[in-house]
Amino acid sequence: MSFLRSAEPEKVHSASQGRCYLYVLPCAYEDLLKLGFSRNPLSRAQQLQPRYFEFFDLDRAFAVQTDSVREARAMELRLRRALTEHNAPAPLTIRVEAAGHSEWYRGAYAMLDAQARAMQAQGHLVHRPLRPWLGRELAEQGDLLFARAAELLDQLQGEPELLDQPPLARLRRNLLDTLDAHAALGIDLAPRLPEPLLHWYRRD
């Protein structure tokens, strides 16, 4: 589990009404992408890969905003049918528990990009590139990050260097993934971390 996940959980099985997104997340280093729909693309990206900000090319990623889960689901289904010949296996580094092993496609970005532009011309709001949108979503969680970091620091008795000990390696990795995401998305960590943890992170 990540040290910090989006505060809004996935709700695709609840009421259909409410903002939802069709998202396209291209991999950074190969012609492979993930297509899906989610009420919270940030949360979904975090679930798929803890280093999502490196794994996916966020400057080519985009999301089409819809007014309901039903609308986003219908868009995804239509696109999936058109992309049958582009089906590809999921990367091995995708989390199994995230149920992210379907809707991966190779050689499909140009077609999906064209479809998104057509949707935009029809009046849909398209967040492209997705990096700034993800950054704003993550930045809004500043108070939550500080609270969790303060709680962690208290558990460490004010000594963040304890995170360097082997028994805490998993916690350390999860924390670094979270803080590196903020840095990668251009979010200032200074007001979002207790000072001892900030010094530890900058040292690391």
N, C-alpha and C. Protein backbone atom coordinates (compact mmCIF):
# COMPACT_ATOMS: atom_id res chain seq x y z
N MET A 1 0.85 -1.20 0.00
CA MET A 1 0.00 0.00 0.00
C MET A 1 0.88 1.24 0.00
N SER A 2 0.48 2.25 -0.76
CA SER A 2 1.23 3.49 -0.80
C SER A 2 1.09 4.25 0.52
N PHE A 3 2.10 5.03 0.82
CA PHE A 3 2.05 5.86 2.03
C PHE A 3 0.89 6.84 1.93
N LEU A 4 0.63 7.35 0.74
CA LEU A 4 -0.48 8.27 0.54
C LEU A 4 -1.17 7.91 -0.76
N ARG A 5 -2.46 7.62 -0.67
CA ARG A 5 -3.29 7.40 -1.85
C ARG A 5 -4.30 8.52 -1.95
N SER A 6 -4.88 8.65 -3.12
CA SER A 6 -5.92 9.65 -3.28
C SER A 6 -7.01 9.44 -2.26
N ALA A 7 -7.52 10.54 -1.71
CA ALA A 7 -8.51 10.45 -0.64
C ALA A 7 -9.85 9.94 -1.13
N GLU A 8 -10.11 10.07 -2.41
CA GLU A 8 -11.40 9.64 -2.93
C GLU A 8 -11.29 8.23 -3.49
N PRO A 9 -11.97 7.24 -2.92
CA PRO A 9 -11.86 5.87 -3.40
C PRO A 9 -12.59 5.68 -4.71
N GLU A 10 -12.26 4.57 -5.37
CA GLU A 10 -12.98 4.21 -6.57
C GLU A 10 -14.43 3.88 -6.22
N LYS A 11 -15.37 4.30 -7.06
CA LYS A 11 -16.78 4.07 -6.78
C LYS A 11 -17.51 3.61 -8.05
N VAL A 12 -16.83 2.85 -8.89
CA VAL A 12 -17.42 2.52 -10.18
C VAL A 12 -18.61 1.59 -10.04
N HIS A 13 -18.77 0.93 -8.90
CA HIS A 13 -19.89 0.03 -8.72
C HIS A 13 -21.05 0.70 -7.99
N SER A 14 -20.91 1.99 -7.67
CA SER A 14 -21.98 2.70 -6.98
C SER A 14 -22.81 3.46 -8.00
N ALA A 15 -23.53 4.45 -7.55
CA ALA A 15 -24.42 5.20 -8.44
C ALA A 15 -23.67 5.70 -9.66
N SER A 16 -24.35 5.65 -10.80
CA SER A 16 -23.71 6.00 -12.06
C SER A 16 -23.46 7.49 -12.20
N GLN A 17 -24.28 8.33 -11.57
CA GLN A 17 -24.15 9.77 -11.75
C GLN A 17 -22.91 10.30 -11.02
N GLY A 18 -22.34 11.35 -11.58
CA GLY A 18 -21.16 11.95 -10.98
C GLY A 18 -19.98 11.89 -11.92
N ARG A 19 -19.10 12.84 -11.81
CA ARG A 19 -17.96 12.98 -12.71
C ARG A 19 -17.13 11.69 -12.81
N CYS A 20 -16.78 11.36 -14.02
CA CYS A 20 -15.95 10.18 -14.26
C CYS A 20 -15.04 10.49 -15.44
N TYR A 21 -14.02 9.67 -15.64
CA TYR A 21 -13.03 9.95 -16.68
C TYR A 21 -12.71 8.68 -17.47
N LEU A 22 -12.61 8.84 -18.77
CA LEU A 22 -11.98 7.84 -19.61
C LEU A 22 -10.51 8.23 -19.68
N TYR A 23 -9.61 7.33 -19.30
CA TYR A 23 -8.20 7.71 -19.27
C TYR A 23 -7.36 6.84 -20.22
N VAL A 24 -6.30 7.43 -20.69
CA VAL A 24 -5.30 6.74 -21.52
C VAL A 24 -3.94 7.03 -20.91
N LEU A 25 -3.26 5.96 -20.47
CA LEU A 25 -1.96 6.09 -19.82
C LEU A 25 -0.91 5.35 -20.65
N PRO A 26 -0.16 6.07 -21.50
CA PRO A 26 0.89 5.42 -22.29
C PRO A 26 2.12 5.13 -21.44
N CYS A 27 2.74 4.01 -21.68
CA CYS A 27 4.00 3.71 -21.00
C CYS A 27 5.10 4.65 -21.50
N ALA A 28 6.06 4.90 -20.66
CA ALA A 28 7.09 5.89 -20.99
C ALA A 28 8.11 5.37 -22.00
N TYR A 29 8.41 4.07 -21.97
CA TYR A 29 9.55 3.59 -22.75
C TYR A 29 9.19 2.53 -23.78
N GLU A 30 7.91 2.33 -24.05
CA GLU A 30 7.52 1.42 -25.11
C GLU A 30 6.12 1.77 -25.59
N ASP A 31 5.79 1.29 -26.77
CA ASP A 31 4.52 1.61 -27.40
C ASP A 31 3.41 0.73 -26.82
N LEU A 32 3.06 1.02 -25.59
CA LEU A 32 2.06 0.26 -24.85
C LEU A 32 1.28 1.23 -23.99
N LEU A 33 -0.01 1.00 -23.84
CA LEU A 33 -0.81 1.93 -23.04
C LEU A 33 -1.92 1.19 -22.32
N LYS A 34 -2.42 1.85 -21.27
CA LYS A 34 -3.56 1.34 -20.50
C LYS A 34 -4.76 2.24 -20.79
N LEU A 35 -5.86 1.61 -21.15
CA LEU A 35 -7.12 2.30 -21.36
C LEU A 35 -8.08 1.91 -20.24
N GLY A 36 -8.82 2.85 -19.72
CA GLY A 36 -9.77 2.51 -18.67
C GLY A 36 -10.66 3.70 -18.34
N PHE A 37 -11.50 3.51 -17.33
CA PHE A 37 -12.31 4.61 -16.83
C PHE A 37 -12.27 4.59 -15.32
N SER A 38 -12.38 5.75 -14.72
CA SER A 38 -12.24 5.86 -13.28
C SER A 38 -12.82 7.18 -12.81
N ARG A 39 -13.37 7.18 -11.60
CA ARG A 39 -13.76 8.44 -10.99
C ARG A 39 -12.54 9.24 -10.56
N ASN A 40 -11.41 8.56 -10.39
CA ASN A 40 -10.21 9.22 -9.89
C ASN A 40 -8.98 8.66 -10.58
N PRO A 41 -8.59 9.22 -11.73
CA PRO A 41 -7.43 8.70 -12.46
C PRO A 41 -6.13 8.71 -11.66
N LEU A 42 -5.97 9.68 -10.75
CA LEU A 42 -4.77 9.70 -9.92
C LEU A 42 -4.71 8.44 -9.07
N SER A 43 -5.79 8.13 -8.40
CA SER A 43 -5.85 6.93 -7.58
C SER A 43 -5.60 5.68 -8.42
N ARG A 44 -6.17 5.65 -9.62
CA ARG A 44 -5.99 4.49 -10.48
C ARG A 44 -4.53 4.32 -10.89
N ALA A 45 -3.88 5.41 -11.26
CA ALA A 45 -2.47 5.33 -11.64
C ALA A 45 -1.62 4.85 -10.47
N GLN A 46 -1.93 5.35 -9.27
CA GLN A 46 -1.20 4.92 -8.08
C GLN A 46 -1.38 3.43 -7.83
N GLN A 47 -2.59 2.94 -8.05
CA GLN A 47 -2.87 1.53 -7.84
C GLN A 47 -2.13 0.65 -8.83
N LEU A 48 -2.03 1.10 -10.06
CA LEU A 48 -1.40 0.29 -11.10
C LEU A 48 0.10 0.16 -10.91
N GLN A 49 0.75 1.25 -10.55
CA GLN A 49 2.21 1.24 -10.47
C GLN A 49 2.66 2.29 -9.45
N PRO A 50 3.38 1.90 -8.40
CA PRO A 50 3.79 2.88 -7.38
C PRO A 50 4.69 3.99 -7.94
N ARG A 51 5.42 3.71 -9.02
CA ARG A 51 6.24 4.73 -9.66
C ARG A 51 5.55 5.21 -10.93
N TYR A 52 4.25 5.44 -10.84
CA TYR A 52 3.44 5.80 -12.00
C TYR A 52 3.96 7.03 -12.72
N PHE A 53 4.57 7.94 -12.00
CA PHE A 53 5.07 9.20 -12.55
C PHE A 53 6.31 8.98 -13.41
N GLU A 54 6.93 7.82 -13.31
CA GLU A 54 8.04 7.43 -14.17
C GLU A 54 7.61 6.38 -15.19
N PHE A 55 6.76 5.49 -14.76
CA PHE A 55 6.35 4.36 -15.59
C PHE A 55 5.50 4.82 -16.77
N PHE A 56 4.60 5.77 -16.52
CA PHE A 56 3.74 6.30 -17.58
C PHE A 56 4.29 7.62 -18.10
N ASP A 57 4.05 7.88 -19.37
CA ASP A 57 4.43 9.14 -19.99
C ASP A 57 3.29 10.14 -19.73
N LEU A 58 3.39 10.89 -18.66
CA LEU A 58 2.31 11.78 -18.25
C LEU A 58 2.14 12.97 -19.17
N ASP A 59 3.13 13.23 -20.02
CA ASP A 59 3.00 14.33 -20.96
C ASP A 59 2.24 13.91 -22.22
N ARG A 60 2.04 12.61 -22.40
CA ARG A 60 1.22 12.11 -23.51
C ARG A 60 -0.10 11.52 -22.99
N ALA A 61 -0.18 11.29 -21.70
CA ALA A 61 -1.41 10.75 -21.12
C ALA A 61 -2.51 11.80 -21.17
N PHE A 62 -3.75 11.33 -21.20
CA PHE A 62 -4.88 12.26 -21.18
C PHE A 62 -6.10 11.57 -20.59
N ALA A 63 -7.10 12.40 -20.24
CA ALA A 63 -8.35 11.89 -19.68
C ALA A 63 -9.50 12.71 -20.23
N VAL A 64 -10.55 12.02 -20.65
CA VAL A 64 -11.76 12.66 -21.14
C VAL A 64 -12.77 12.68 -20.00
N GLN A 65 -13.20 13.87 -19.62
CA GLN A 65 -14.13 14.01 -18.49
C GLN A 65 -15.57 13.79 -18.97
N THR A 66 -16.32 13.00 -18.19
CA THR A 66 -17.72 12.75 -18.50
C THR A 66 -18.58 13.08 -17.27
N ASP A 67 -19.88 13.06 -17.46
CA ASP A 67 -20.80 13.39 -16.37
C ASP A 67 -21.24 12.18 -15.57
N SER A 68 -20.86 10.99 -16.01
CA SER A 68 -21.32 9.79 -15.30
C SER A 68 -20.41 8.62 -15.58
N VAL A 69 -20.43 7.65 -14.68
CA VAL A 69 -19.71 6.40 -14.88
C VAL A 69 -20.23 5.69 -16.12
N ARG A 70 -21.53 5.72 -16.29
CA ARG A 70 -22.15 5.03 -17.43
C ARG A 70 -21.60 5.56 -18.75
N GLU A 71 -21.47 6.88 -18.85
CA GLU A 71 -20.96 7.47 -20.09
C GLU A 71 -19.51 7.08 -20.33
N ALA A 72 -18.69 7.14 -19.28
CA ALA A 72 -17.28 6.77 -19.43
C ALA A 72 -17.14 5.29 -19.78
N ARG A 73 -17.94 4.46 -19.15
CA ARG A 73 -17.90 3.02 -19.42
C ARG A 73 -18.29 2.73 -20.87
N ALA A 74 -19.31 3.43 -21.36
CA ALA A 74 -19.74 3.23 -22.74
C ALA A 74 -18.65 3.65 -23.72
N MET A 75 -17.97 4.76 -23.44
CA MET A 75 -16.86 5.20 -24.28
C MET A 75 -15.76 4.14 -24.31
N GLU A 76 -15.42 3.63 -23.13
CA GLU A 76 -14.35 2.63 -23.05
C GLU A 76 -14.73 1.38 -23.83
N LEU A 77 -15.96 0.91 -23.68
CA LEU A 77 -16.39 -0.29 -24.37
C LEU A 77 -16.33 -0.11 -25.88
N ARG A 78 -16.76 1.05 -26.36
CA ARG A 78 -16.71 1.32 -27.80
C ARG A 78 -15.27 1.30 -28.30
N LEU A 79 -14.36 1.90 -27.56
CA LEU A 79 -12.96 1.93 -27.97
C LEU A 79 -12.32 0.56 -27.87
N ARG A 80 -12.66 -0.19 -26.85
CA ARG A 80 -12.12 -1.55 -26.73
C ARG A 80 -12.48 -2.40 -27.93
N ARG A 81 -13.70 -2.28 -28.39
CA ARG A 81 -14.13 -3.07 -29.55
C ARG A 81 -13.35 -2.69 -30.80
N ALA A 82 -12.99 -1.41 -30.90
CA ALA A 82 -12.24 -0.95 -32.07
C ALA A 82 -10.76 -1.32 -31.99
N LEU A 83 -10.31 -1.68 -30.78
CA LEU A 83 -8.88 -1.94 -30.58
C LEU A 83 -8.54 -3.42 -30.40
N THR A 84 -9.45 -4.28 -30.76
CA THR A 84 -9.24 -5.73 -30.52
C THR A 84 -7.90 -6.21 -31.07
N GLU A 85 -7.55 -5.77 -32.26
CA GLU A 85 -6.31 -6.24 -32.89
C GLU A 85 -5.07 -5.68 -32.20
N HIS A 86 -5.25 -4.71 -31.32
CA HIS A 86 -4.11 -4.09 -30.63
C HIS A 86 -3.91 -4.64 -29.21
N ASN A 87 -4.72 -5.61 -28.82
CA ASN A 87 -4.60 -6.18 -27.47
C ASN A 87 -3.19 -6.63 -27.18
N ALA A 88 -2.72 -6.39 -25.96
CA ALA A 88 -1.36 -6.78 -25.57
C ALA A 88 -1.36 -7.20 -24.10
N PRO A 89 -0.42 -8.05 -23.71
CA PRO A 89 -0.32 -8.41 -22.29
C PRO A 89 0.13 -7.22 -21.45
N ALA A 90 -0.28 -7.23 -20.21
CA ALA A 90 0.12 -6.16 -19.29
C ALA A 90 1.59 -6.29 -18.92
N PRO A 91 2.26 -5.19 -18.64
CA PRO A 91 3.65 -5.26 -18.16
C PRO A 91 3.73 -6.05 -16.86
N LEU A 92 4.85 -6.69 -16.65
CA LEU A 92 5.01 -7.54 -15.46
C LEU A 92 5.05 -6.73 -14.17
N THR A 93 5.37 -5.45 -14.28
CA THR A 93 5.49 -4.64 -13.07
C THR A 93 4.17 -4.03 -12.61
N ILE A 94 3.09 -4.31 -13.31
CA ILE A 94 1.78 -3.82 -12.89
C ILE A 94 1.28 -4.66 -11.73
N ARG A 95 0.74 -4.01 -10.73
CA ARG A 95 0.28 -4.71 -9.53
C ARG A 95 -0.88 -5.65 -9.85
N VAL A 96 -0.73 -6.90 -9.47
CA VAL A 96 -1.78 -7.89 -9.68
C VAL A 96 -3.03 -7.51 -8.90
N GLU A 97 -2.84 -7.04 -7.66
CA GLU A 97 -3.97 -6.71 -6.80
C GLU A 97 -4.76 -5.51 -7.30
N ALA A 98 -4.20 -4.75 -8.25
CA ALA A 98 -4.91 -3.60 -8.80
C ALA A 98 -5.87 -4.00 -9.91
N ALA A 99 -5.90 -5.30 -10.25
CA ALA A 99 -6.76 -5.79 -11.33
C ALA A 99 -6.49 -4.99 -12.61
N GLY A 100 -5.22 -4.74 -12.86
CA GLY A 100 -4.85 -3.91 -14.01
C GLY A 100 -4.29 -4.69 -15.17
N HIS A 101 -4.67 -5.95 -15.32
CA HIS A 101 -4.06 -6.77 -16.36
C HIS A 101 -4.91 -6.89 -17.61
N SER A 102 -5.92 -6.07 -17.75
CA SER A 102 -6.69 -6.04 -18.98
C SER A 102 -6.69 -4.63 -19.55
N GLU A 103 -7.16 -4.52 -20.77
CA GLU A 103 -7.23 -3.23 -21.48
C GLU A 103 -5.86 -2.59 -21.68
N TRP A 104 -4.89 -3.42 -22.07
CA TRP A 104 -3.58 -2.92 -22.48
C TRP A 104 -3.48 -3.08 -24.00
N TYR A 105 -2.93 -2.06 -24.66
CA TYR A 105 -2.90 -2.07 -26.11
C TYR A 105 -1.56 -1.57 -26.63
N ARG A 106 -1.16 -2.16 -27.76
CA ARG A 106 0.09 -1.75 -28.41
C ARG A 106 -0.24 -1.13 -29.77
N GLY A 107 0.41 -0.03 -30.08
CA GLY A 107 0.20 0.62 -31.37
C GLY A 107 -1.14 1.31 -31.50
N ALA A 108 -1.73 1.73 -30.39
CA ALA A 108 -3.08 2.28 -30.42
C ALA A 108 -3.14 3.75 -30.05
N TYR A 109 -2.02 4.37 -29.72
CA TYR A 109 -2.07 5.73 -29.19
C TYR A 109 -2.63 6.73 -30.20
N ALA A 110 -2.19 6.67 -31.44
CA ALA A 110 -2.63 7.65 -32.44
C ALA A 110 -4.14 7.59 -32.62
N MET A 111 -4.69 6.39 -32.65
CA MET A 111 -6.13 6.24 -32.83
C MET A 111 -6.88 6.82 -31.63
N LEU A 112 -6.42 6.52 -30.42
CA LEU A 112 -7.08 7.03 -29.22
C LEU A 112 -6.95 8.54 -29.10
N ASP A 113 -5.80 9.05 -29.48
CA ASP A 113 -5.60 10.50 -29.46
C ASP A 113 -6.57 11.19 -30.42
N ALA A 114 -6.76 10.61 -31.60
CA ALA A 114 -7.70 11.17 -32.57
C ALA A 114 -9.13 11.12 -32.04
N GLN A 115 -9.48 10.02 -31.36
CA GLN A 115 -10.81 9.90 -30.78
C GLN A 115 -11.04 10.94 -29.70
N ALA A 116 -10.01 11.18 -28.88
CA ALA A 116 -10.13 12.19 -27.82
C ALA A 116 -10.31 13.58 -28.41
N ARG A 117 -9.63 13.88 -29.50
CA ARG A 117 -9.77 15.18 -30.14
C ARG A 117 -11.19 15.34 -30.72
N ALA A 118 -11.72 14.23 -31.24
CA ALA A 118 -13.09 14.29 -31.75
C ALA A 118 -14.08 14.52 -30.61
N MET A 119 -13.86 13.86 -29.47
CA MET A 119 -14.72 14.06 -28.31
C MET A 119 -14.63 15.50 -27.81
N GLN A 120 -13.43 16.05 -27.84
CA GLN A 120 -13.24 17.44 -27.41
C GLN A 120 -14.01 18.39 -28.34
N ALA A 121 -13.98 18.11 -29.65
CA ALA A 121 -14.70 18.94 -30.61
C ALA A 121 -16.21 18.86 -30.37
N GLN A 122 -16.66 17.76 -29.77
CA GLN A 122 -18.08 17.57 -29.49
C GLN A 122 -18.48 18.18 -28.14
N GLY A 123 -17.50 18.76 -27.43
CA GLY A 123 -17.83 19.46 -26.20
C GLY A 123 -17.32 18.83 -24.92
N HIS A 124 -16.66 17.69 -25.01
CA HIS A 124 -16.11 17.07 -23.81
C HIS A 124 -14.85 17.80 -23.36
N LEU A 125 -14.67 17.89 -22.06
CA LEU A 125 -13.45 18.45 -21.51
C LEU A 125 -12.38 17.36 -21.51
N VAL A 126 -11.25 17.64 -22.16
CA VAL A 126 -10.15 16.67 -22.23
C VAL A 126 -8.95 17.26 -21.50
N HIS A 127 -8.47 16.55 -20.51
CA HIS A 127 -7.28 16.97 -19.75
C HIS A 127 -6.05 16.38 -20.45
N ARG A 128 -5.34 17.26 -21.19
CA ARG A 128 -4.19 16.82 -21.96
C ARG A 128 -3.19 17.95 -22.04
N PRO A 129 -1.94 17.71 -21.65
CA PRO A 129 -1.44 16.47 -21.04
C PRO A 129 -1.99 16.29 -19.63
N LEU A 130 -1.89 15.08 -19.13
CA LEU A 130 -2.49 14.77 -17.84
C LEU A 130 -1.61 15.20 -16.66
N ARG A 131 -0.34 15.47 -16.92
CA ARG A 131 0.58 15.80 -15.83
C ARG A 131 0.09 16.96 -14.96
N PRO A 132 -0.29 18.12 -15.53
CA PRO A 132 -0.75 19.23 -14.67
C PRO A 132 -1.99 18.87 -13.85
N TRP A 133 -2.92 18.14 -14.44
CA TRP A 133 -4.13 17.76 -13.72
C TRP A 133 -3.77 16.85 -12.55
N LEU A 134 -2.92 15.86 -12.78
CA LEU A 134 -2.49 14.98 -11.70
C LEU A 134 -1.78 15.77 -10.61
N GLY A 135 -0.94 16.73 -11.02
CA GLY A 135 -0.24 17.55 -10.04
C GLY A 135 -1.19 18.34 -9.16
N ARG A 136 -2.24 18.90 -9.76
CA ARG A 136 -3.21 19.65 -8.96
C ARG A 136 -3.95 18.73 -7.99
N GLU A 137 -4.33 17.55 -8.48
CA GLU A 137 -5.02 16.60 -7.62
C GLU A 137 -4.15 16.19 -6.43
N LEU A 138 -2.88 15.91 -6.71
CA LEU A 138 -1.98 15.49 -5.65
C LEU A 138 -1.69 16.63 -4.68
N ALA A 139 -1.54 17.84 -5.21
CA ALA A 139 -1.23 18.99 -4.36
C ALA A 139 -2.35 19.27 -3.36
N GLU A 140 -3.59 18.96 -3.74
CA GLU A 140 -4.73 19.20 -2.85
C GLU A 140 -4.70 18.30 -1.61
N GLN A 141 -3.85 17.29 -1.62
CA GLN A 141 -3.77 16.37 -0.49
C GLN A 141 -2.67 16.75 0.49
N GLY A 142 -2.20 18.01 0.40
CA GLY A 142 -1.10 18.44 1.24
C GLY A 142 -1.34 18.26 2.73
N ASP A 143 -2.52 18.62 3.20
CA ASP A 143 -2.81 18.47 4.62
C ASP A 143 -2.80 17.01 5.05
N LEU A 144 -3.32 16.14 4.19
CA LEU A 144 -3.33 14.72 4.50
C LEU A 144 -1.91 14.16 4.55
N LEU A 145 -1.08 14.58 3.62
CA LEU A 145 0.31 14.13 3.61
C LEU A 145 1.02 14.56 4.89
N PHE A 146 0.83 15.82 5.29
CA PHE A 146 1.50 16.31 6.50
C PHE A 146 1.02 15.53 7.72
N ALA A 147 -0.28 15.26 7.82
CA ALA A 147 -0.81 14.54 8.98
C ALA A 147 -0.24 13.14 9.06
N ARG A 148 -0.17 12.46 7.92
CA ARG A 148 0.35 11.09 7.93
C ARG A 148 1.86 11.08 8.20
N ALA A 149 2.55 12.07 7.65
CA ALA A 149 3.99 12.16 7.89
C ALA A 149 4.28 12.45 9.36
N ALA A 150 3.47 13.33 9.97
CA ALA A 150 3.66 13.64 11.38
C ALA A 150 3.39 12.41 12.24
N GLU A 151 2.39 11.65 11.87
CA GLU A 151 2.09 10.42 12.61
C GLU A 151 3.25 9.43 12.49
N LEU A 152 3.79 9.30 11.29
CA LEU A 152 4.93 8.41 11.08
C LEU A 152 6.13 8.88 11.91
N LEU A 153 6.40 10.17 11.88
CA LEU A 153 7.54 10.69 12.62
C LEU A 153 7.37 10.43 14.12
N ASP A 154 6.16 10.53 14.60
CA ASP A 154 5.89 10.24 16.01
C ASP A 154 6.18 8.78 16.32
N GLN A 155 5.80 7.89 15.41
CA GLN A 155 6.06 6.46 15.61
C GLN A 155 7.55 6.17 15.59
N LEU A 156 8.28 6.98 14.85
CA LEU A 156 9.74 6.82 14.77
C LEU A 156 10.45 7.57 15.90
N GLN A 157 9.67 8.11 16.84
CA GLN A 157 10.20 8.86 17.98
C GLN A 157 11.07 10.02 17.52
N GLY A 158 10.66 10.65 16.43
CA GLY A 158 11.36 11.83 15.94
C GLY A 158 12.67 11.54 15.24
N GLU A 159 12.93 10.28 14.90
CA GLU A 159 14.20 9.91 14.27
C GLU A 159 13.94 9.25 12.92
N PRO A 160 13.81 10.03 11.86
CA PRO A 160 13.52 9.46 10.54
C PRO A 160 14.63 8.55 10.02
N GLU A 161 15.85 8.66 10.59
CA GLU A 161 16.95 7.79 10.15
C GLU A 161 16.65 6.32 10.42
N LEU A 162 15.69 6.06 11.30
CA LEU A 162 15.30 4.67 11.55
C LEU A 162 14.72 4.02 10.31
N LEU A 163 14.25 4.84 9.37
CA LEU A 163 13.70 4.29 8.13
C LEU A 163 14.77 3.61 7.28
N ASP A 164 16.03 3.89 7.57
CA ASP A 164 17.11 3.29 6.80
C ASP A 164 17.45 1.87 7.27
N GLN A 165 16.82 1.43 8.33
CA GLN A 165 17.08 0.09 8.84
C GLN A 165 16.32 -0.94 8.00
N PRO A 166 16.94 -2.11 7.74
CA PRO A 166 16.33 -3.13 6.88
C PRO A 166 14.90 -3.53 7.24
N PRO A 167 14.55 -3.66 8.53
CA PRO A 167 13.16 -4.06 8.82
C PRO A 167 12.11 -3.07 8.32
N LEU A 168 12.50 -1.82 8.09
CA LEU A 168 11.55 -0.81 7.63
C LEU A 168 11.71 -0.50 6.14
N ALA A 169 12.36 -1.41 5.42
CA ALA A 169 12.66 -1.16 4.01
C ALA A 169 11.40 -0.95 3.18
N ARG A 170 10.35 -1.72 3.45
CA ARG A 170 9.13 -1.58 2.65
C ARG A 170 8.45 -0.24 2.92
N LEU A 171 8.38 0.15 4.19
CA LEU A 171 7.80 1.45 4.53
C LEU A 171 8.61 2.57 3.90
N ARG A 172 9.93 2.44 3.97
CA ARG A 172 10.81 3.45 3.38
C ARG A 172 10.56 3.59 1.88
N ARG A 173 10.43 2.44 1.19
CA ARG A 173 10.19 2.46 -0.25
C ARG A 173 8.86 3.13 -0.58
N ASN A 174 7.83 2.80 0.18
CA ASN A 174 6.52 3.39 -0.06
C ASN A 174 6.52 4.90 0.17
N LEU A 175 7.22 5.31 1.23
CA LEU A 175 7.31 6.74 1.52
C LEU A 175 8.07 7.46 0.41
N LEU A 176 9.17 6.89 -0.04
CA LEU A 176 9.94 7.51 -1.12
C LEU A 176 9.14 7.59 -2.41
N ASP A 177 8.36 6.55 -2.70
CA ASP A 177 7.51 6.60 -3.89
C ASP A 177 6.56 7.79 -3.82
N THR A 178 5.97 7.99 -2.66
CA THR A 178 5.02 9.09 -2.48
C THR A 178 5.71 10.45 -2.62
N LEU A 179 6.84 10.61 -1.95
CA LEU A 179 7.53 11.90 -1.99
C LEU A 179 8.14 12.17 -3.36
N ASP A 180 8.64 11.13 -4.01
CA ASP A 180 9.18 11.30 -5.36
C ASP A 180 8.10 11.70 -6.34
N ALA A 181 6.87 11.21 -6.13
CA ALA A 181 5.76 11.60 -7.00
C ALA A 181 5.52 13.10 -6.89
N HIS A 182 5.54 13.62 -5.67
CA HIS A 182 5.36 15.07 -5.48
C HIS A 182 6.46 15.85 -6.20
N ALA A 183 7.70 15.40 -6.04
CA ALA A 183 8.82 16.08 -6.69
C ALA A 183 8.67 16.03 -8.21
N ALA A 184 8.29 14.86 -8.73
CA ALA A 184 8.17 14.70 -10.18
C ALA A 184 7.06 15.56 -10.76
N LEU A 185 6.03 15.82 -9.98
CA LEU A 185 4.91 16.61 -10.45
C LEU A 185 5.04 18.09 -10.06
N GLY A 186 6.21 18.46 -9.59
CA GLY A 186 6.50 19.87 -9.33
C GLY A 186 5.84 20.44 -8.10
N ILE A 187 5.60 19.61 -7.09
CA ILE A 187 4.92 20.05 -5.87
C ILE A 187 5.96 20.29 -4.78
N ASP A 188 5.93 21.44 -4.18
CA ASP A 188 6.88 21.80 -3.13
C ASP A 188 6.56 21.01 -1.86
N LEU A 189 7.53 20.24 -1.40
CA LEU A 189 7.33 19.41 -0.21
C LEU A 189 7.56 20.17 1.09
N ALA A 190 8.19 21.32 1.04
CA ALA A 190 8.55 22.02 2.27
C ALA A 190 7.35 22.27 3.19
N PRO A 191 6.21 22.74 2.69
CA PRO A 191 5.08 22.96 3.60
C PRO A 191 4.26 21.69 3.86
N ARG A 192 4.67 20.58 3.27
CA ARG A 192 3.86 19.37 3.35
C ARG A 192 4.50 18.26 4.18
N LEU A 193 5.69 18.54 4.72
CA LEU A 193 6.39 17.54 5.53
C LEU A 193 6.92 18.17 6.80
N PRO A 194 6.88 17.45 7.92
CA PRO A 194 7.59 17.92 9.11
C PRO A 194 9.08 18.07 8.77
N GLU A 195 9.71 19.05 9.36
CA GLU A 195 11.08 19.39 8.98
C GLU A 195 12.06 18.22 9.08
N PRO A 196 12.02 17.39 10.12
CA PRO A 196 12.98 16.27 10.16
C PRO A 196 12.82 15.31 8.99
N LEU A 197 11.59 15.03 8.58
CA LEU A 197 11.38 14.14 7.43
C LEU A 197 11.81 14.80 6.13
N LEU A 198 11.61 16.12 6.03
CA LEU A 198 12.04 16.84 4.84
C LEU A 198 13.56 16.78 4.70
N HIS A 199 14.29 16.98 5.80
CA HIS A 199 15.75 16.90 5.77
C HIS A 199 16.20 15.49 5.40
N TRP A 200 15.54 14.49 5.97
CA TRP A 200 15.88 13.10 5.65
C TRP A 200 15.68 12.82 4.17
N TYR A 201 14.57 13.30 3.62
CA TYR A 201 14.28 13.04 2.20
C TYR A 201 15.29 13.75 1.30
N ARG A 202 15.60 14.98 1.62
CA ARG A 202 16.55 15.71 0.78
C ARG A 202 17.95 15.11 0.87
N ARG A 203 18.28 14.58 2.01
CA ARG A 203 19.56 13.88 2.15
C ARG A 203 19.58 12.61 1.31
N ASP A 204 18.43 11.90 1.31
CA ASP A 204 18.35 10.63 0.60
C ASP A 204 18.40 10.84 -0.90
